[in-house]
Amino acid sequence: MSGCDCDDLLERLWAYMDGEADDQARSHLVAHIERCLPCRQQAEFERRLREIIQYKCRGERAPETLRIELVSLIIRS
């Protein structure tokens, strides 16, 4: 496995995990993860990290002032 393939996977991993990768990219990433232990471990780490973040952030809301400020910044952009 070349380092380039691994670098490519790591650059696209979040899009894959967010369900934003197209079918071709998704099948390429899945095939790579299945045959490359370091990338499989990295993908598993990212999956677990996301689970922990989702669990820890459940039920909490950002302050309303922060939401208003963010909307304002988005509108100005």
N, C-alpha and C. Protein backbone atom coordinates (compact mmCIF):
# COMPACT_ATOMS: atom_id res chain seq x y z
N MET A 1 0.85 -1.17 0.00
CA MET A 1 0.00 0.00 0.00
C MET A 1 0.89 1.24 0.00
N SER A 2 0.65 2.12 -0.90
CA SER A 2 1.49 3.32 -0.98
C SER A 2 1.02 4.37 0.00
N GLY A 3 1.95 5.18 0.48
CA GLY A 3 1.61 6.28 1.38
C GLY A 3 0.64 7.24 0.74
N CYS A 4 0.71 7.40 -0.57
CA CYS A 4 -0.17 8.31 -1.29
C CYS A 4 -1.63 7.88 -1.13
N ASP A 5 -1.89 6.58 -1.27
CA ASP A 5 -3.25 6.08 -1.08
C ASP A 5 -3.74 6.40 0.33
N CYS A 6 -2.87 6.21 1.30
CA CYS A 6 -3.24 6.48 2.70
C CYS A 6 -3.48 7.97 2.91
N ASP A 7 -2.62 8.81 2.35
CA ASP A 7 -2.81 10.26 2.46
C ASP A 7 -4.14 10.67 1.84
N ASP A 8 -4.45 10.10 0.68
CA ASP A 8 -5.70 10.38 -0.01
C ASP A 8 -6.89 9.98 0.87
N LEU A 9 -6.81 8.80 1.46
CA LEU A 9 -7.90 8.34 2.32
C LEU A 9 -8.09 9.29 3.49
N LEU A 10 -7.03 9.67 4.14
CA LEU A 10 -7.16 10.53 5.32
C LEU A 10 -7.73 11.89 4.97
N GLU A 11 -7.43 12.39 3.77
CA GLU A 11 -7.99 13.67 3.34
C GLU A 11 -9.50 13.58 3.11
N ARG A 12 -9.96 12.39 2.71
CA ARG A 12 -11.37 12.21 2.35
C ARG A 12 -12.20 11.49 3.41
N LEU A 13 -11.56 11.10 4.50
CA LEU A 13 -12.22 10.29 5.52
C LEU A 13 -13.44 10.97 6.12
N TRP A 14 -13.35 12.24 6.45
CA TRP A 14 -14.48 12.92 7.09
C TRP A 14 -15.66 13.04 6.14
N ALA A 15 -15.40 13.32 4.86
CA ALA A 15 -16.51 13.38 3.90
C ALA A 15 -17.18 12.01 3.82
N TYR A 16 -16.40 10.96 3.83
CA TYR A 16 -16.95 9.61 3.81
C TYR A 16 -17.79 9.37 5.06
N MET A 17 -17.27 9.72 6.23
CA MET A 17 -17.97 9.48 7.49
C MET A 17 -19.22 10.34 7.62
N ASP A 18 -19.23 11.49 6.96
CA ASP A 18 -20.40 12.37 6.97
C ASP A 18 -21.43 11.96 5.92
N GLY A 19 -21.12 10.94 5.13
CA GLY A 19 -22.04 10.50 4.08
C GLY A 19 -22.03 11.42 2.87
N GLU A 20 -20.95 12.20 2.70
CA GLU A 20 -20.87 13.16 1.61
C GLU A 20 -20.04 12.66 0.42
N ALA A 21 -19.46 11.48 0.54
CA ALA A 21 -18.65 10.93 -0.56
C ALA A 21 -19.57 10.29 -1.59
N ASP A 22 -19.22 10.46 -2.87
CA ASP A 22 -20.02 9.82 -3.91
C ASP A 22 -19.76 8.31 -3.89
N ASP A 23 -20.55 7.56 -4.65
CA ASP A 23 -20.47 6.10 -4.63
C ASP A 23 -19.08 5.58 -4.99
N GLN A 24 -18.46 6.17 -5.99
CA GLN A 24 -17.13 5.72 -6.42
C GLN A 24 -16.09 5.97 -5.32
N ALA A 25 -16.12 7.16 -4.74
CA ALA A 25 -15.17 7.48 -3.67
C ALA A 25 -15.41 6.59 -2.46
N ARG A 26 -16.68 6.36 -2.14
CA ARG A 26 -17.03 5.54 -0.99
C ARG A 26 -16.51 4.11 -1.17
N SER A 27 -16.70 3.52 -2.36
CA SER A 27 -16.23 2.14 -2.57
C SER A 27 -14.71 2.07 -2.54
N HIS A 28 -14.04 3.11 -3.07
CA HIS A 28 -12.56 3.16 -3.02
C HIS A 28 -12.09 3.24 -1.57
N LEU A 29 -12.72 4.09 -0.78
CA LEU A 29 -12.32 4.26 0.62
C LEU A 29 -12.58 2.98 1.42
N VAL A 30 -13.73 2.36 1.23
CA VAL A 30 -14.05 1.14 1.95
C VAL A 30 -13.05 0.04 1.59
N ALA A 31 -12.73 -0.11 0.32
CA ALA A 31 -11.77 -1.13 -0.11
C ALA A 31 -10.41 -0.86 0.52
N HIS A 32 -10.00 0.39 0.55
CA HIS A 32 -8.70 0.73 1.13
C HIS A 32 -8.69 0.42 2.63
N ILE A 33 -9.75 0.82 3.32
CA ILE A 33 -9.82 0.58 4.78
C ILE A 33 -9.79 -0.91 5.08
N GLU A 34 -10.43 -1.71 4.25
CA GLU A 34 -10.45 -3.16 4.48
C GLU A 34 -9.08 -3.80 4.34
N ARG A 35 -8.22 -3.24 3.50
CA ARG A 35 -6.92 -3.88 3.28
C ARG A 35 -5.75 -3.16 3.96
N CYS A 36 -5.99 -2.02 4.58
CA CYS A 36 -4.89 -1.25 5.18
C CYS A 36 -5.15 -1.08 6.68
N LEU A 37 -4.40 -1.80 7.48
CA LEU A 37 -4.60 -1.77 8.93
C LEU A 37 -4.44 -0.38 9.53
N PRO A 38 -3.39 0.39 9.20
CA PRO A 38 -3.28 1.73 9.81
C PRO A 38 -4.47 2.63 9.48
N CYS A 39 -4.96 2.57 8.25
CA CYS A 39 -6.11 3.40 7.88
C CYS A 39 -7.38 2.89 8.54
N ARG A 40 -7.51 1.58 8.68
CA ARG A 40 -8.67 1.00 9.37
C ARG A 40 -8.67 1.47 10.83
N GLN A 41 -7.50 1.47 11.45
CA GLN A 41 -7.39 1.93 12.84
C GLN A 41 -7.73 3.42 12.94
N GLN A 42 -7.28 4.21 11.98
CA GLN A 42 -7.58 5.65 11.98
C GLN A 42 -9.07 5.89 11.80
N ALA A 43 -9.68 5.14 10.88
CA ALA A 43 -11.12 5.28 10.64
C ALA A 43 -11.91 4.89 11.89
N GLU A 44 -11.48 3.84 12.55
CA GLU A 44 -12.16 3.41 13.78
C GLU A 44 -11.99 4.45 14.88
N PHE A 45 -10.80 5.02 14.99
CA PHE A 45 -10.59 6.09 15.96
C PHE A 45 -11.52 7.26 15.70
N GLU A 46 -11.61 7.68 14.44
CA GLU A 46 -12.48 8.81 14.08
C GLU A 46 -13.95 8.48 14.37
N ARG A 47 -14.36 7.25 14.09
CA ARG A 47 -15.75 6.84 14.37
C ARG A 47 -16.04 6.91 15.86
N ARG A 48 -15.13 6.37 16.66
CA ARG A 48 -15.33 6.40 18.12
C ARG A 48 -15.31 7.83 18.66
N LEU A 49 -14.42 8.65 18.14
CA LEU A 49 -14.34 10.04 18.57
C LEU A 49 -15.66 10.75 18.29
N ARG A 50 -16.22 10.53 17.12
CA ARG A 50 -17.51 11.14 16.77
C ARG A 50 -18.62 10.66 17.72
N GLU A 51 -18.61 9.37 18.05
CA GLU A 51 -19.60 8.85 18.98
C GLU A 51 -19.49 9.53 20.33
N ILE A 52 -18.28 9.70 20.82
CA ILE A 52 -18.07 10.34 22.12
C ILE A 52 -18.53 11.79 22.08
N ILE A 53 -18.19 12.50 21.02
CA ILE A 53 -18.60 13.90 20.89
C ILE A 53 -20.12 14.00 20.85
N GLN A 54 -20.77 13.14 20.07
CA GLN A 54 -22.23 13.17 20.00
C GLN A 54 -22.85 12.86 21.36
N TYR A 55 -22.28 11.90 22.07
CA TYR A 55 -22.80 11.54 23.39
C TYR A 55 -22.65 12.69 24.37
N LYS A 56 -21.48 13.30 24.38
CA LYS A 56 -21.20 14.38 25.34
C LYS A 56 -21.99 15.65 25.03
N CYS A 57 -22.35 15.86 23.78
CA CYS A 57 -23.05 17.09 23.39
C CYS A 57 -24.56 16.93 23.37
N ARG A 58 -25.05 15.76 23.66
CA ARG A 58 -26.48 15.50 23.64
C ARG A 58 -27.20 16.37 24.66
N GLY A 59 -28.28 16.98 24.20
CA GLY A 59 -29.11 17.73 25.12
C GLY A 59 -28.64 19.13 25.45
N GLU A 60 -27.43 19.47 25.09
CA GLU A 60 -26.93 20.81 25.38
C GLU A 60 -27.13 21.70 24.17
N ARG A 61 -27.51 22.92 24.43
CA ARG A 61 -27.69 23.90 23.36
C ARG A 61 -26.72 25.05 23.57
N ALA A 62 -26.29 25.60 22.47
CA ALA A 62 -25.44 26.79 22.54
C ALA A 62 -26.29 27.95 23.03
N PRO A 63 -25.68 28.91 23.72
CA PRO A 63 -26.44 30.08 24.16
C PRO A 63 -27.06 30.81 22.97
N GLU A 64 -28.24 31.38 23.17
CA GLU A 64 -28.95 32.08 22.10
C GLU A 64 -28.12 33.23 21.54
N THR A 65 -27.36 33.90 22.39
CA THR A 65 -26.53 35.01 21.91
C THR A 65 -25.48 34.52 20.91
N LEU A 66 -24.94 33.34 21.15
CA LEU A 66 -23.96 32.77 20.21
C LEU A 66 -24.63 32.46 18.88
N ARG A 67 -25.81 31.87 18.91
CA ARG A 67 -26.54 31.55 17.69
C ARG A 67 -26.80 32.81 16.88
N ILE A 68 -27.25 33.87 17.53
CA ILE A 68 -27.53 35.13 16.85
C ILE A 68 -26.26 35.70 16.23
N GLU A 69 -25.17 35.64 16.97
CA GLU A 69 -23.89 36.15 16.46
C GLU A 69 -23.42 35.37 15.24
N LEU A 70 -23.55 34.04 15.28
CA LEU A 70 -23.14 33.21 14.14
C LEU A 70 -24.00 33.48 12.92
N VAL A 71 -25.30 33.60 13.11
CA VAL A 71 -26.19 33.90 11.98
C VAL A 71 -25.81 35.23 11.37
N SER A 72 -25.51 36.21 12.21
CA SER A 72 -25.10 37.52 11.73
C SER A 72 -23.82 37.45 10.90
N LEU A 73 -22.86 36.66 11.38
CA LEU A 73 -21.60 36.51 10.64
C LEU A 73 -21.82 35.81 9.30
N ILE A 74 -22.69 34.82 9.27
CA ILE A 74 -22.98 34.11 8.03
C ILE A 74 -23.64 35.03 7.02
N ILE A 75 -24.59 35.81 7.48
CA ILE A 75 -25.30 36.73 6.59
C ILE A 75 -24.34 37.76 6.00
N ARG A 76 -23.40 38.24 6.79
CA ARG A 76 -22.45 39.25 6.30
C ARG A 76 -21.45 38.68 5.32
N SER A 77 -21.24 37.37 5.33
CA SER A 77 -20.22 36.75 4.45
C SER A 77 -20.65 36.73 3.01
